[in-house]
């Protein structure tokens, strides 16, 4: 909506000129103005330009109403507007921008009430996007299927034609389902393979359900937005830049880049400022109360010796904060306020309740603050369980695009594993010590192992120790301990690169000790005894076939027999030998020619002790061994 005060020649009153439009067209209106040219009537012309560039789609907020204009009752609309006109007529003439915005809002409320009285509202269904497998052929088949279904339904009353229409509908439905399955299979494989080009592309967006997410709601009027920004983002002295300036001029971002960045913002969420107004944290409060805040999340820590004192302090703190917010034109959401009691005293009432006006604040076992679940015993058990559940769902989603035979290369898969690590390790600086208990370590390690299986294209029976080494991912508890140590070093003033390198070496040393003295993954340990050399390689990626060689889990009769998938563990070509990875790749005469050609390339005899050493020497050796494993296993699986 655009509005302007217009004083007409020959009139003693101001006339409010208004143009109404949908949110989509309103955002494309430019240079809106009331024309000064003579119109020959008591109305002036309104001129404006419409931008041809489609505007960003915005999500309709919960308070935004829309009406069905097709069912408009014009007489009811005019009557409702006539009833609201006397009130608007008595409104004082605005003299400032803020008063003009207030008049516009009052007018819009009157218009909205008139629309409610004259036509029904539309339900907000959001914006629908086509599925990745949708094609023109499927659209035609679907339309034909719906037509035949309607004919079959109507023919149910006419017995002679019912069978004919029913058979045609069933055939059309089968054709539609067949077309959808074919399209899904071909396009899904294609977009999974495209992950090498864009790791955060359509496949990733589909599995994490971010494809077609609506953009944030349309902004509020400029005057109101200026007030909100001034309160939430106060001016502060310029900070010293701690990064090195890049050489040359920095390119300005394009309009397309700005639109793409805007689409990533979540509706109703702040983009994460560096701080909150310091004046809120400085308001006078009892010495037992301490405020902590970030963005629009405020936490109050209250220390009390009795339940009565705690109740008084909670009530006075909330009243004080609420008064401060009202003075700055903000509002406290009491219905979202949570409380947790940290005490070991059995006499303290649980649940603890405090009446604040019409709202009753009741303590809970745990609450979430800045993404961390804080429970009443500070054990962080609820946080770890919640993190494991969310990370497990992420792994399940990513498993669709990280299959053993299709999808991106190992380096890109490793990046996606970091998505799981970021969920598991959020806030690890404060709760890492809980992983010293085997119960919690096993829960998180199980989720990490599933992610590592997708990185290495390994069978799900591979042990945690072996798959983490092949994937190059340290155990989750060691990563958490490293973060906690680094945080403590920062607190003590040691935030140097040397400290980071020292802590990484400690993590690698502990990981190596576990790997050497472990009980699982012994075949992999024979091939990769030194983790440091494996991690520091500059070439080589694993795949489905090479991983079978490195783990011993795959197309080997000994493994299949153990999984009850084969009748005997012996080799098909060497009946007196156990068919495991060592026999297949290093001993079996059936594959002697394959083995000889590989040995010629690397210039040495293949053996478990020296295989990885030769692979790490140069990229050609790695490629030769990988091709050897792939060629042999494909032939063996026939």
Foldseek 3Di string as FASTA:
>chain_A
DDWDWDDDPPDPDTDIDDDDDDPFFVVQKAPWDFDPDDDPDPGTDIDIDGHPDGDAFAADDPPDWAFDCVQFDVVLLVVLLVVCVVVLVPQDDDDDPVSVVVSVVVVVVSNVVSRVRTTGIDDRPTDDDDDPLDDPVLVVLVVVLVVLVVVLVVCVVVPVCNVVSVVVNVVSVVVNVVSSVVSCVVVLLVVQQCCQVPVCDDLVCVLVVNPPDGFAHDDDDPVVVVLVCCQFPPDDDDDDDPDDDDPDDDDDDDPVVVSVVRRPDDYPDDPWDPAGPVVLQPDDADPQWGWDDTRPDIDIHGDDDALVVVLVRVQVVVVVSQVVQVVSVHGDDPVPDAAAAADPDPPHDPQRWHDHPPDIHTYDQWDADPRQIQGNDRQSPVRLVVLLVVLLSLLVSVCSSLAQPGGHFLVSLLVSLVVSLCSNQVVLLRNLVSCVDVVSLVSSLVSSQSSLCSSQSEDPPFDSLLSCLQSVHQRSSLVSVLNNVQVVCVVVPNNDPVSNVVSVVVSQVVSLVCSVPDDHQVLLCLQPVRSVLVNPFPDATHHNQVVCLNRQADPALLNCVVVVNHDDQADPQGRVHGGTSQCQQQNDPVCVVLQVVLCVQLVHHDDSNCQVVSVRPDVSNNVSVNVSRVVSVVVSVD
